[in-house]
Amino acid sequence: MSMHIGLIGGGNITETHAGAARAIPSVNIAAIYGRNTANVEKLSREYGARAYQDFEAFLAHRPMDLVVIGSPSGLHAAEGIAAARRGLHVLTEKPIDITAARADALIEAAKQSHVKLGVIFQDRVKPDIQRLKQWIDRGVLGKILFVDARVKWYRPPEYYAKSKWRGTLELDGGGALMNQGVHTVDLLLWLLGDVTRVQARTATVWHSIESEDTAMAILEFAGGALGTLQATTAAFPGYPRRVEITGSQGTVILEHDRMVAADLRGRPADFGSEAPVDTNPSASSAAVTDVRGHQAVLEDFLRAIELDGTPLCDGLQGRKSVALIEAIYHASRHPDRSPTP
């Protein structure tokens, strides 16, 4: 089944979306919309798409079956709602938007229009992360006791200074947590389940931005596990994300999305890392040069459309990470309270 997609954005991540779409034989990039005229026209020439600077004209383009949203985070819901009302399926970059209330509005619009809604969290398709998910679900690690997640990344000052939206409360909704750390927040929720209690501190210690560049949270999970989460964009030169999960039957450590240690009482049959080395230097760069994760997410979304299934991360799941980050921000502002996400 041939699918015609429209890309919304025109920045670095839209180039990633275009590369991922081109790698799928059944996909045709029909149209591209964005405010960066030069980039949109360049991408449209490269991929044989129609360039648009008018959003309503873009939405009216046919044939077009779905849109992939790569615009600033605070625009995701509004653009997704407009697309859904035109009968277009919606696959949006993380986060689904910058508030749970906006996420709810997009989820409801997709439901009312009978279109699919998915959120791009490409970590969920990484081989070692999927293996770890299976182990946890099978009880290989026993009762989960503790998790330690560290996102000690670096973004130079110009990353924010040259952008009209990064680090702003209006369009980014936050900083190191809402933009960079949201991948890890989603990962923890996907692997370990809901969080019931939060304690946190956030600060802007180095970058000249409205939002936080450093955050620390203590999380209590519904299943009884305790966790710590660190996120920053000020840790020069930037280090691979590290997630350590300890259960009653052993500990597994992920670093740069690969399983670098698995000290377990029982050795599972699918033991051993088969994950290819990820060439995307996310610890120190915002550019996603390896499109394989995005390609897998897009392929999963296309299957959900074709088979009337549920995407790997649908709107309701995508909402959870935003709600938890909102709770972390609230806990940081009101340390005497412990909000429930």
C-alpha atoms as a PDB file:
ATOM      1  CA  MET A   1       0.000   0.000   0.000  1.00  0.00           C
ATOM      2  CA  SER A   2       1.471   3.317  -1.082  1.00  0.00           C
ATOM      3  CA  MET A   3       1.306   6.087   1.530  1.00  0.00           C
ATOM      4  CA  HIS A   4       1.668   9.810   0.860  1.00  0.00           C
ATOM      5  CA  ILE A   5       3.044  11.797   3.773  1.00  0.00           C
ATOM      6  CA  GLY A   6       3.436  15.462   4.570  1.00  0.00           C
ATOM      7  CA  LEU A   7       6.280  16.781   6.698  1.00  0.00           C
ATOM      8  CA  ILE A   8       5.806  19.710   9.077  1.00  0.00           C
ATOM      9  CA  GLY A   9       8.852  21.603  10.302  1.00  0.00           C
ATOM     10  CA  GLY A  10      11.709  22.239   7.937  1.00  0.00           C
ATOM     11  CA  GLY A  11      14.537  22.007  10.497  1.00  0.00           C
ATOM     12  CA  ASN A  12      17.134  19.352  11.313  1.00  0.00           C
ATOM     13  CA  ILE A  13      14.617  16.804  12.562  1.00  0.00           C
ATOM     14  CA  THR A  14      12.508  17.165   9.403  1.00  0.00           C
ATOM     15  CA  GLU A  15      15.610  16.163   7.432  1.00  0.00           C
ATOM     16  CA  THR A  16      15.732  13.043   9.623  1.00  0.00           C
ATOM     17  CA  HIS A  17      12.044  12.364   8.952  1.00  0.00           C
ATOM     18  CA  ALA A  18      12.599  12.768   5.227  1.00  0.00           C
ATOM     19  CA  GLY A  19      15.552  10.382   5.255  1.00  0.00           C
ATOM     20  CA  ALA A  20      13.553   7.819   7.226  1.00  0.00           C
ATOM     21  CA  ALA A  21      10.601   8.098   4.822  1.00  0.00           C
ATOM     22  CA  ARG A  22      12.777   7.740   1.747  1.00  0.00           C
ATOM     23  CA  ALA A  23      14.171   4.474   3.118  1.00  0.00           C
ATOM     24  CA  ILE A  24      10.667   2.936   3.001  1.00  0.00           C
ATOM     25  CA  PRO A  25       9.726   1.897  -0.572  1.00  0.00           C
ATOM     26  CA  SER A  26       5.972   2.316  -0.066  1.00  0.00           C
ATOM     27  CA  VAL A  27       6.225   5.921   1.125  1.00  0.00           C
ATOM     28  CA  ASN A  28       6.074   9.047  -0.991  1.00  0.00           C
ATOM     29  CA  ILE A  29       6.851  12.470   0.492  1.00  0.00           C
ATOM     30  CA  ALA A  30       4.038  14.549  -0.970  1.00  0.00           C
ATOM     31  CA  ALA A  31       4.460  17.943   0.685  1.00  0.00           C
ATOM     32  CA  ILE A  32       6.617  19.832   3.181  1.00  0.00           C
ATOM     33  CA  TYR A  33       5.526  22.815   5.264  1.00  0.00           C
ATOM     34  CA  GLY A  34       7.702  25.066   7.395  1.00  0.00           C
ATOM     35  CA  ARG A  35       8.565  28.637   8.159  1.00  0.00           C
ATOM     36  CA  ASN A  36      12.194  28.296   7.086  1.00  0.00           C
ATOM     37  CA  THR A  37      11.561  28.922   3.389  1.00  0.00           C
ATOM     38  CA  ALA A  38      15.077  28.102   2.202  1.00  0.00           C
ATOM     39  CA  ASN A  39      15.229  24.766   4.039  1.00  0.00           C
ATOM     40  CA  VAL A  40      11.711  23.744   3.016  1.00  0.00           C
ATOM     41  CA  GLU A  41      12.399  24.472  -0.647  1.00  0.00           C
ATOM     42  CA  LYS A  42      15.746  22.653  -0.470  1.00  0.00           C
ATOM     43  CA  LEU A  43      14.179  19.556   1.103  1.00  0.00           C
ATOM     44  CA  SER A  44      11.266  19.655  -1.349  1.00  0.00           C
ATOM     45  CA  ARG A  45      13.613  19.684  -4.331  1.00  0.00           C
ATOM     46  CA  GLU A  46      15.685  16.861  -2.865  1.00  0.00           C
ATOM     47  CA  TYR A  47      12.686  14.622  -2.137  1.00  0.00           C
ATOM     48  CA  GLY A  48      10.371  15.602  -4.984  1.00  0.00           C
ATOM     49  CA  ALA A  49       7.767  17.159  -2.697  1.00  0.00           C
ATOM     50  CA  ARG A  50       5.614  20.277  -2.938  1.00  0.00           C
ATOM     51  CA  ALA A  51       6.866  23.143  -0.749  1.00  0.00           C
ATOM     52  CA  TYR A  52       4.388  25.180   1.294  1.00  0.00           C
ATOM     53  CA  GLN A  53       4.643  28.251   3.498  1.00  0.00           C
ATOM     54  CA  ASP A  54       0.860  28.405   4.014  1.00  0.00           C
ATOM     55  CA  PHE A  55      -0.302  25.824   6.550  1.00  0.00           C
ATOM     56  CA  GLU A  56      -3.925  25.580   5.380  1.00  0.00           C
ATOM     57  CA  ALA A  57      -2.814  25.090   1.773  1.00  0.00           C
ATOM     58  CA  PHE A  58      -0.424  22.380   2.964  1.00  0.00           C
ATOM     59  CA  LEU A  59      -3.218  20.553   4.797  1.00  0.00           C
ATOM     60  CA  ALA A  60      -5.364  20.668   1.663  1.00  0.00           C
ATOM     61  CA  HIS A  61      -2.655  19.001  -0.471  1.00  0.00           C
ATOM     62  CA  ARG A  62      -3.756  15.701  -1.988  1.00  0.00           C
ATOM     63  CA  PRO A  63      -2.925  12.931  -2.169  1.00  0.00           C
ATOM     64  CA  MET A  64      -1.730  12.994   1.462  1.00  0.00           C
ATOM     65  CA  ASP A  65      -2.557  10.360   4.079  1.00  0.00           C
ATOM     66  CA  LEU A  66      -0.626  11.442   7.156  1.00  0.00           C
ATOM     67  CA  VAL A  67       1.625  14.135   8.557  1.00  0.00           C
ATOM     68  CA  VAL A  68       4.858  13.835  10.504  1.00  0.00           C
ATOM     69  CA  ILE A  69       5.332  16.805  12.823  1.00  0.00           C
ATOM     70  CA  GLY A  70       8.825  18.130  13.514  1.00  0.00           C
ATOM     71  CA  SER A  71       8.013  21.721  14.461  1.00  0.00           C
ATOM     72  CA  PRO A  72       8.758  23.348  17.864  1.00  0.00           C
ATOM     73  CA  SER A  73       7.240  21.308  20.687  1.00  0.00           C
ATOM     74  CA  GLY A  74       4.664  23.919  21.685  1.00  0.00           C
ATOM     75  CA  LEU A  75       3.061  23.734  18.234  1.00  0.00           C
ATOM     76  CA  HIS A  76       2.599  19.955  18.051  1.00  0.00           C
ATOM     77  CA  ALA A  77      -0.952  19.776  19.402  1.00  0.00           C
ATOM     78  CA  ALA A  78      -2.333  22.718  17.434  1.00  0.00           C
ATOM     79  CA  GLU A  79      -0.873  21.457  14.167  1.00  0.00           C
ATOM     80  CA  GLY A  80      -1.860  17.873  14.927  1.00  0.00           C
ATOM     81  CA  ILE A  81      -5.441  18.867  15.714  1.00  0.00           C
ATOM     82  CA  ALA A  82      -5.706  20.796  12.449  1.00  0.00           C
ATOM     83  CA  ALA A  83      -4.369  17.805  10.504  1.00  0.00           C
ATOM     84  CA  ALA A  84      -6.652  15.326  12.286  1.00  0.00           C
ATOM     85  CA  ARG A  85      -9.680  17.436  11.457  1.00  0.00           C
ATOM     86  CA  ARG A  86      -8.679  17.143   7.796  1.00  0.00           C
ATOM     87  CA  GLY A  87      -8.738  13.359   8.131  1.00  0.00           C
ATOM     88  CA  LEU A  88      -4.951  12.992   8.239  1.00  0.00           C
ATOM     89  CA  HIS A  89      -3.179  10.557  10.543  1.00  0.00           C
ATOM     90  CA  VAL A  90      -0.714  12.266  12.885  1.00  0.00           C
ATOM     91  CA  LEU A  91       2.779  11.127  13.890  1.00  0.00           C
ATOM     92  CA  THR A  92       4.503  13.759  16.010  1.00  0.00           C
ATOM     93  CA  GLU A  93       7.987  14.193  17.380  1.00  0.00           C
ATOM     94  CA  LYS A  94       8.468  14.011  21.105  1.00  0.00           C
ATOM     95  CA  PRO A  95       7.050  15.449  23.259  1.00  0.00           C
ATOM     96  CA  ILE A  96       3.424  15.167  22.161  1.00  0.00           C
ATOM     97  CA  ASP A  97       3.199  18.815  23.281  1.00  0.00           C
ATOM     98  CA  ILE A  98       4.407  20.773  26.308  1.00  0.00           C
ATOM     99  CA  THR A  99       1.383  20.292  28.602  1.00  0.00           C
ATOM    100  CA  ALA A 100      -0.837  17.337  29.402  1.00  0.00           C
ATOM    101  CA  ALA A 101      -3.893  19.511  28.699  1.00  0.00           C
ATOM    102  CA  ARG A 102      -2.755  20.145  25.132  1.00  0.00           C
ATOM    103  CA  ALA A 103      -1.967  16.454  24.752  1.00  0.00           C
ATOM    104  CA  ASP A 104      -5.518  15.667  25.836  1.00  0.00           C
ATOM    105  CA  ALA A 105      -6.917  18.016  23.192  1.00  0.00           C
ATOM    106  CA  LEU A 106      -4.891  16.323  20.448  1.00  0.00           C
ATOM    107  CA  ILE A 107      -5.837  12.843  21.664  1.00  0.00           C
ATOM    108  CA  GLU A 108      -9.513  13.796  21.618  1.00  0.00           C
ATOM    109  CA  ALA A 109      -9.266  15.354  18.136  1.00  0.00           C
ATOM    110  CA  ALA A 110      -7.669  12.191  16.734  1.00  0.00           C
ATOM    111  CA  LYS A 111     -10.357  10.079  18.393  1.00  0.00           C
ATOM    112  CA  GLN A 112     -13.197  12.222  17.035  1.00  0.00           C
ATOM    113  CA  SER A 113     -11.696  12.210  13.520  1.00  0.00           C
ATOM    114  CA  HIS A 114     -10.992   8.437  13.588  1.00  0.00           C
ATOM    115  CA  VAL A 115      -7.320   8.892  12.696  1.00  0.00           C
ATOM    116  CA  LYS A 116      -4.214   7.326  14.213  1.00  0.00           C
ATOM    117  CA  LEU A 117      -2.009   9.325  16.568  1.00  0.00           C
ATOM    118  CA  GLY A 118       1.552   8.345  17.389  1.00  0.00           C
ATOM    119  CA  VAL A 119       4.534   9.911  19.169  1.00  0.00           C
ATOM    120  CA  ILE A 120       8.130   9.403  18.047  1.00  0.00           C
ATOM    121  CA  PHE A 121      10.175   7.813  20.820  1.00  0.00           C
ATOM    122  CA  GLN A 122      12.719   5.919  18.762  1.00  0.00           C
ATOM    123  CA  ASP A 123      14.460   4.491  21.839  1.00  0.00           C
ATOM    124  CA  ARG A 124      11.609   1.992  22.095  1.00  0.00           C
ATOM    125  CA  VAL A 125      12.778   0.265  18.907  1.00  0.00           C
ATOM    126  CA  LYS A 126      16.464  -0.064  19.858  1.00  0.00           C
ATOM    127  CA  PRO A 127      17.304  -3.814  20.003  1.00  0.00           C
ATOM    128  CA  ASP A 128      18.901  -3.885  23.459  1.00  0.00           C
ATOM    129  CA  ILE A 129      16.190  -1.707  24.955  1.00  0.00           C
ATOM    130  CA  GLN A 130      13.511  -3.982  23.529  1.00  0.00           C
ATOM    131  CA  ARG A 131      15.384  -6.984  24.969  1.00  0.00           C
ATOM    132  CA  LEU A 132      15.493  -5.311  28.381  1.00  0.00           C
ATOM    133  CA  LYS A 133      11.753  -4.590  28.175  1.00  0.00           C
ATOM    134  CA  GLN A 134      11.105  -8.274  27.478  1.00  0.00           C
ATOM    135  CA  TRP A 135      13.319  -9.341  30.384  1.00  0.00           C
ATOM    136  CA  ILE A 136      11.528  -7.046  32.818  1.00  0.00           C
ATOM    137  CA  ASP A 137       8.120  -8.227  31.605  1.00  0.00           C
ATOM    138  CA  ARG A 138       9.233 -11.876  31.961  1.00  0.00           C
ATOM    139  CA  GLY A 139      10.580 -11.278  35.468  1.00  0.00           C
ATOM    140  CA  VAL A 140      14.208 -11.994  34.557  1.00  0.00           C
ATOM    141  CA  LEU A 141      15.359  -9.166  36.853  1.00  0.00           C
ATOM    142  CA  GLY A 142      12.964 -10.231  39.607  1.00  0.00           C
ATOM    143  CA  LYS A 143      11.265  -7.480  41.592  1.00  0.00           C
ATOM    144  CA  ILE A 144      12.557  -4.127  40.403  1.00  0.00           C
ATOM    145  CA  LEU A 145      14.162  -2.280  43.307  1.00  0.00           C
ATOM    146  CA  PHE A 146      16.005   0.725  41.936  1.00  0.00           C
ATOM    147  CA  VAL A 147      16.723   2.657  38.763  1.00  0.00           C
ATOM    148  CA  ASP A 148      19.342   5.325  38.146  1.00  0.00           C
ATOM    149  CA  ALA A 149      19.066   7.348  34.910  1.00  0.00           C
ATOM    150  CA  ARG A 150      21.645   9.945  33.879  1.00  0.00           C
ATOM    151  CA  VAL A 151      21.327  12.250  30.872  1.00  0.00           C
ATOM    152  CA  LYS A 152      24.505  14.318  31.228  1.00  0.00           C
ATOM    153  CA  TRP A 153      24.551  15.956  27.819  1.00  0.00           C
ATOM    154  CA  TYR A 154      26.083  19.134  26.465  1.00  0.00           C
ATOM    155  CA  ARG A 155      24.666  21.808  24.207  1.00  0.00           C
ATOM    156  CA  PRO A 156      26.843  24.839  23.412  1.00  0.00           C
ATOM    157  CA  PRO A 157      25.444  28.334  24.054  1.00  0.00           C
ATOM    158  CA  GLU A 158      24.794  28.890  20.341  1.00  0.00           C
ATOM    159  CA  TYR A 159      22.385  25.920  20.324  1.00  0.00           C
ATOM    160  CA  TYR A 160      20.002  28.162  22.232  1.00  0.00           C
ATOM    161  CA  ALA A 161      21.200  31.582  21.051  1.00  0.00           C
ATOM    162  CA  LYS A 162      20.622  30.773  17.363  1.00  0.00           C
ATOM    163  CA  SER A 163      17.133  29.381  17.974  1.00  0.00           C
ATOM    164  CA  LYS A 164      13.915  31.337  18.479  1.00  0.00           C
ATOM    165  CA  TRP A 165      12.271  28.535  20.442  1.00  0.00           C
ATOM    166  CA  ARG A 166      14.780  26.285  22.208  1.00  0.00           C
ATOM    167  CA  GLY A 167      14.848  26.882  25.931  1.00  0.00           C
ATOM    168  CA  THR A 168      11.733  29.067  25.863  1.00  0.00           C
ATOM    169  CA  LEU A 169       8.746  28.317  28.037  1.00  0.00           C
ATOM    170  CA  GLU A 170       6.290  29.197  25.268  1.00  0.00           C
ATOM    171  CA  LEU A 171       7.547  26.805  22.588  1.00  0.00           C
ATOM    172  CA  ASP A 172       9.974  24.398  24.298  1.00  0.00           C
ATOM    173  CA  GLY A 173       7.939  24.125  27.493  1.00  0.00           C
ATOM    174  CA  GLY A 174      11.086  23.520  29.510  1.00  0.00           C
ATOM    175  CA  GLY A 175      14.731  22.710  28.955  1.00  0.00           C
ATOM    176  CA  ALA A 176      16.914  19.711  29.696  1.00  0.00           C
ATOM    177  CA  LEU A 177      13.921  17.671  30.865  1.00  0.00           C
ATOM    178  CA  MET A 178      11.161  18.546  28.387  1.00  0.00           C
ATOM    179  CA  ASN A 179      13.442  18.546  25.349  1.00  0.00           C
ATOM    180  CA  GLN A 180      16.372  16.173  25.913  1.00  0.00           C
ATOM    181  CA  GLY A 181      15.351  14.227  29.031  1.00  0.00           C
ATOM    182  CA  VAL A 182      11.858  13.377  27.773  1.00  0.00           C
ATOM    183  CA  HIS A 183      13.257  10.357  25.905  1.00  0.00           C
ATOM    184  CA  THR A 184      14.536   8.896  29.165  1.00  0.00           C
ATOM    185  CA  VAL A 185      11.346   9.776  31.052  1.00  0.00           C
ATOM    186  CA  ASP A 186       9.363   7.869  28.419  1.00  0.00           C
ATOM    187  CA  LEU A 187      11.818   4.977  28.631  1.00  0.00           C
ATOM    188  CA  LEU A 188      11.474   4.681  32.424  1.00  0.00           C
ATOM    189  CA  LEU A 189       7.678   4.763  32.235  1.00  0.00           C
ATOM    190  CA  TRP A 190       7.638   2.206  29.406  1.00  0.00           C
ATOM    191  CA  LEU A 191       9.976  -0.160  31.233  1.00  0.00           C
ATOM    192  CA  LEU A 192       8.822   0.242  34.830  1.00  0.00           C
ATOM    193  CA  GLY A 193       5.269   1.618  34.812  1.00  0.00           C
ATOM    194  CA  ASP A 194       3.663   4.682  36.340  1.00  0.00           C
ATOM    195  CA  VAL A 195       5.243   7.008  38.887  1.00  0.00           C
ATOM    196  CA  THR A 196       3.188   7.789  41.993  1.00  0.00           C
ATOM    197  CA  ARG A 197       5.360  10.305  43.877  1.00  0.00           C
ATOM    198  CA  VAL A 198       7.978  12.878  42.891  1.00  0.00           C
ATOM    199  CA  GLN A 199      10.576  15.005  44.636  1.00  0.00           C
ATOM    200  CA  ALA A 200      12.718  17.301  42.489  1.00  0.00           C
ATOM    201  CA  ARG A 201      15.002  20.278  41.999  1.00  0.00           C
ATOM    202  CA  THR A 202      15.614  22.157  38.750  1.00  0.00           C
ATOM    203  CA  ALA A 203      17.964  25.028  38.018  1.00  0.00           C
ATOM    204  CA  THR A 204      19.420  27.153  35.258  1.00  0.00           C
ATOM    205  CA  VAL A 205      23.097  27.057  36.151  1.00  0.00           C
ATOM    206  CA  TRP A 206      24.995  27.817  32.954  1.00  0.00           C
ATOM    207  CA  HIS A 207      22.878  28.579  29.878  1.00  0.00           C
ATOM    208  CA  SER A 208      21.132  31.924  29.359  1.00  0.00           C
ATOM    209  CA  ILE A 209      17.649  30.477  28.839  1.00  0.00           C
ATOM    210  CA  GLU A 210      14.201  30.767  30.416  1.00  0.00           C
ATOM    211  CA  SER A 211      13.979  27.087  31.291  1.00  0.00           C
ATOM    212  CA  GLU A 212      16.141  24.685  33.263  1.00  0.00           C
ATOM    213  CA  ASP A 213      19.452  23.339  32.013  1.00  0.00           C
ATOM    214  CA  THR A 214      19.837  21.018  35.020  1.00  0.00           C
ATOM    215  CA  ALA A 215      17.320  18.809  36.807  1.00  0.00           C
ATOM    216  CA  MET A 216      17.321  16.136  39.495  1.00  0.00           C
ATOM    217  CA  ALA A 217      14.315  14.026  40.542  1.00  0.00           C
ATOM    218  CA  ILE A 218      13.552  11.190  42.947  1.00  0.00           C
ATOM    219  CA  LEU A 219      10.791   8.949  41.625  1.00  0.00           C
ATOM    220  CA  GLU A 220       8.608   6.372  43.341  1.00  0.00           C
ATOM    221  CA  PHE A 221       7.041   3.856  40.964  1.00  0.00           C
ATOM    222  CA  ALA A 222       3.682   2.154  41.422  1.00  0.00           C
ATOM    223  CA  GLY A 223       5.439  -1.208  41.437  1.00  0.00           C
ATOM    224  CA  GLY A 224       7.534  -0.208  44.445  1.00  0.00           C
ATOM    225  CA  ALA A 225      10.811   0.694  42.740  1.00  0.00           C
ATOM    226  CA  LEU A 226      12.682   3.875  43.626  1.00  0.00           C
ATOM    227  CA  GLY A 227      14.520   5.905  41.014  1.00  0.00           C
ATOM    228  CA  THR A 228      16.761   8.882  40.453  1.00  0.00           C
ATOM    229  CA  LEU A 229      16.802  10.945  37.275  1.00  0.00           C
ATOM    230  CA  GLN A 230      19.448  13.476  36.299  1.00  0.00           C
ATOM    231  CA  ALA A 231      19.216  15.617  33.167  1.00  0.00           C
ATOM    232  CA  THR A 232      21.397  18.473  31.984  1.00  0.00           C
ATOM    233  CA  THR A 233      22.612  20.188  28.828  1.00  0.00           C
ATOM    234  CA  ALA A 234      25.559  21.777  30.625  1.00  0.00           C
ATOM    235  CA  ALA A 235      27.833  18.745  31.183  1.00  0.00           C
ATOM    236  CA  PHE A 236      30.798  19.407  28.872  1.00  0.00           C
ATOM    237  CA  PRO A 237      31.693  17.610  26.644  1.00  0.00           C
ATOM    238  CA  GLY A 238      28.561  15.436  26.927  1.00  0.00           C
ATOM    239  CA  TYR A 239      28.331  11.795  27.996  1.00  0.00           C
ATOM    240  CA  PRO A 240      26.267   8.846  26.745  1.00  0.00           C
ATOM    241  CA  ARG A 241      22.982   8.355  28.551  1.00  0.00           C
ATOM    242  CA  ARG A 242      23.291   5.712  31.255  1.00  0.00           C
ATOM    243  CA  VAL A 243      20.411   3.772  32.787  1.00  0.00           C
ATOM    244  CA  GLU A 244      21.012   1.231  35.556  1.00  0.00           C
ATOM    245  CA  ILE A 245      18.130  -0.992  36.649  1.00  0.00           C
ATOM    246  CA  THR A 246      18.501  -3.241  39.689  1.00  0.00           C
ATOM    247  CA  GLY A 247      16.102  -6.008  40.605  1.00  0.00           C
ATOM    248  CA  SER A 248      16.123  -8.799  43.158  1.00  0.00           C
ATOM    249  CA  GLN A 249      17.693 -11.093  40.522  1.00  0.00           C
ATOM    250  CA  GLY A 250      20.370  -8.776  39.183  1.00  0.00           C
ATOM    251  CA  THR A 251      21.310  -5.532  37.481  1.00  0.00           C
ATOM    252  CA  VAL A 252      21.302  -4.395  33.857  1.00  0.00           C
ATOM    253  CA  ILE A 253      23.130  -1.297  32.633  1.00  0.00           C
ATOM    254  CA  LEU A 254      22.361   0.550  29.399  1.00  0.00           C
ATOM    255  CA  GLU A 255      24.825   3.030  27.991  1.00  0.00           C
ATOM    256  CA  HIS A 256      24.251   4.798  24.675  1.00  0.00           C
ATOM    257  CA  ASP A 257      21.242   2.489  24.193  1.00  0.00           C
ATOM    258  CA  ARG A 258      23.388  -0.637  24.393  1.00  0.00           C
ATOM    259  CA  MET A 259      23.412  -3.238  27.155  1.00  0.00           C
ATOM    260  CA  VAL A 260      26.934  -2.882  28.547  1.00  0.00           C
ATOM    261  CA  ALA A 261      26.381  -5.067  31.630  1.00  0.00           C
ATOM    262  CA  ALA A 262      23.897  -7.725  32.682  1.00  0.00           C
ATOM    263  CA  ASP A 263      24.762  -9.285  36.028  1.00  0.00           C
ATOM    264  CA  LEU A 264      21.930 -11.763  36.582  1.00  0.00           C
ATOM    265  CA  ARG A 265      21.366 -14.834  38.741  1.00  0.00           C
ATOM    266  CA  GLY A 266      19.844 -16.650  35.767  1.00  0.00           C
ATOM    267  CA  ARG A 267      21.267 -16.211  32.274  1.00  0.00           C
ATOM    268  CA  PRO A 268      18.376 -15.784  29.770  1.00  0.00           C
ATOM    269  CA  ALA A 269      18.538 -17.535  26.400  1.00  0.00           C
ATOM    270  CA  ASP A 270      18.610 -14.195  24.580  1.00  0.00           C
ATOM    271  CA  PHE A 271      21.569 -12.921  26.605  1.00  0.00           C
ATOM    272  CA  GLY A 272      24.126 -10.743  24.843  1.00  0.00           C
ATOM    273  CA  SER A 273      24.000  -7.448  22.955  1.00  0.00           C
ATOM    274  CA  GLU A 274      23.224  -7.561  19.275  1.00  0.00           C
ATOM    275  CA  ALA A 275      22.565  -3.835  18.969  1.00  0.00           C
ATOM    276  CA  PRO A 276      24.493  -2.019  16.238  1.00  0.00           C
ATOM    277  CA  VAL A 277      26.555   0.942  17.343  1.00  0.00           C
ATOM    278  CA  ASP A 278      24.400   4.092  17.159  1.00  0.00           C
ATOM    279  CA  THR A 279      26.310   6.698  15.181  1.00  0.00           C
ATOM    280  CA  ASN A 280      24.201   9.604  16.447  1.00  0.00           C
ATOM    281  CA  PRO A 281      26.278  11.674  18.906  1.00  0.00           C
ATOM    282  CA  SER A 282      23.209  12.789  20.874  1.00  0.00           C
ATOM    283  CA  ALA A 283      25.234  13.513  23.997  1.00  0.00           C
ATOM    284  CA  SER A 284      26.844  16.514  22.304  1.00  0.00           C
ATOM    285  CA  SER A 285      24.744  17.211  19.202  1.00  0.00           C
ATOM    286  CA  ALA A 286      21.062  17.765  18.419  1.00  0.00           C
ATOM    287  CA  ALA A 287      21.395  16.440  14.864  1.00  0.00           C
ATOM    288  CA  VAL A 288      20.008  12.925  14.345  1.00  0.00           C
ATOM    289  CA  THR A 289      22.252  11.501  11.642  1.00  0.00           C
ATOM    290  CA  ASP A 290      21.203   7.862  12.072  1.00  0.00           C
ATOM    291  CA  VAL A 291      17.639   7.563  10.722  1.00  0.00           C
ATOM    292  CA  ARG A 292      17.141   3.858  11.483  1.00  0.00           C
ATOM    293  CA  GLY A 293      15.223   4.465  14.697  1.00  0.00           C
ATOM    294  CA  HIS A 294      12.888   6.974  13.065  1.00  0.00           C
ATOM    295  CA  GLN A 295      12.428   4.647  10.107  1.00  0.00           C
ATOM    296  CA  ALA A 296      11.356   1.820  12.430  1.00  0.00           C
ATOM    297  CA  VAL A 297       8.889   4.111  14.226  1.00  0.00           C
ATOM    298  CA  LEU A 298       7.419   5.269  10.916  1.00  0.00           C
ATOM    299  CA  GLU A 299       7.127   1.676   9.672  1.00  0.00           C
ATOM    300  CA  ASP A 300       5.333   0.736  12.902  1.00  0.00           C
ATOM    301  CA  PHE A 301       2.946   3.685  12.455  1.00  0.00           C
ATOM    302  CA  LEU A 302       2.185   2.683   8.866  1.00  0.00           C
ATOM    303  CA  ARG A 303       1.358  -0.853  10.042  1.00  0.00           C
ATOM    304  CA  ALA A 304      -0.999   0.600  12.650  1.00  0.00           C
ATOM    305  CA  ILE A 305      -2.809   2.501   9.898  1.00  0.00           C
ATOM    306  CA  GLU A 306      -2.958  -0.473   7.530  1.00  0.00           C
ATOM    307  CA  LEU A 307      -4.039  -3.019  10.162  1.00  0.00           C
ATOM    308  CA  ASP A 308      -6.084  -0.642  12.326  1.00  0.00           C
ATOM    309  CA  GLY A 309      -3.746  -1.314  15.222  1.00  0.00           C
ATOM    310  CA  THR A 310      -2.134   0.755  17.972  1.00  0.00           C
ATOM    311  CA  PRO A 311       1.196   2.530  17.353  1.00  0.00           C
ATOM    312  CA  LEU A 312       4.178   1.599  19.521  1.00  0.00           C
ATOM    313  CA  CYS A 313       3.681   4.881  21.380  1.00  0.00           C
ATOM    314  CA  ASP A 314       0.162   6.247  20.964  1.00  0.00           C
ATOM    315  CA  GLY A 315      -1.188   9.542  22.235  1.00  0.00           C
ATOM    316  CA  LEU A 316      -2.136   8.255  25.680  1.00  0.00           C
ATOM    317  CA  GLN A 317       1.332   6.804  26.252  1.00  0.00           C
ATOM    318  CA  GLY A 318       2.970   9.932  24.852  1.00  0.00           C
ATOM    319  CA  ARG A 319       0.984  12.028  27.323  1.00  0.00           C
ATOM    320  CA  LYS A 320       2.491  10.180  30.313  1.00  0.00           C
ATOM    321  CA  SER A 321       6.012  11.570  29.898  1.00  0.00           C
ATOM    322  CA  VAL A 322       4.699  15.135  29.647  1.00  0.00           C
ATOM    323  CA  ALA A 323       2.526  14.676  32.741  1.00  0.00           C
ATOM    324  CA  LEU A 324       5.471  13.325  34.725  1.00  0.00           C
ATOM    325  CA  ILE A 325       7.735  16.194  33.652  1.00  0.00           C
ATOM    326  CA  GLU A 326       5.001  18.642  34.649  1.00  0.00           C
ATOM    327  CA  ALA A 327       4.907  16.937  38.056  1.00  0.00           C
ATOM    328  CA  ILE A 328       8.704  17.241  38.349  1.00  0.00           C
ATOM    329  CA  TYR A 329       8.527  20.954  37.537  1.00  0.00           C
ATOM    330  CA  HIS A 330       5.733  21.387  40.093  1.00  0.00           C
ATOM    331  CA  ALA A 331       7.684  19.500  42.762  1.00  0.00           C
ATOM    332  CA  SER A 332      10.707  21.695  42.122  1.00  0.00           C
ATOM    333  CA  ARG A 333       8.641  24.867  42.586  1.00  0.00           C
ATOM    334  CA  HIS A 334       6.802  23.474  45.616  1.00  0.00           C
ATOM    335  CA  PRO A 335       9.238  21.198  47.484  1.00  0.00           C
ATOM    336  CA  ASP A 336       6.824  20.867  50.418  1.00  0.00           C
ATOM    337  CA  ARG A 337       4.375  18.985  48.212  1.00  0.00           C
ATOM    338  CA  SER A 338       4.700  15.706  46.322  1.00  0.00           C
ATOM    339  CA  PRO A 339       2.393  15.796  43.282  1.00  0.00           C
ATOM    340  CA  THR A 340       1.122  12.671  41.578  1.00  0.00           C
ATOM    341  CA  PRO A 341       1.598  12.685  37.762  1.00  0.00           C
END
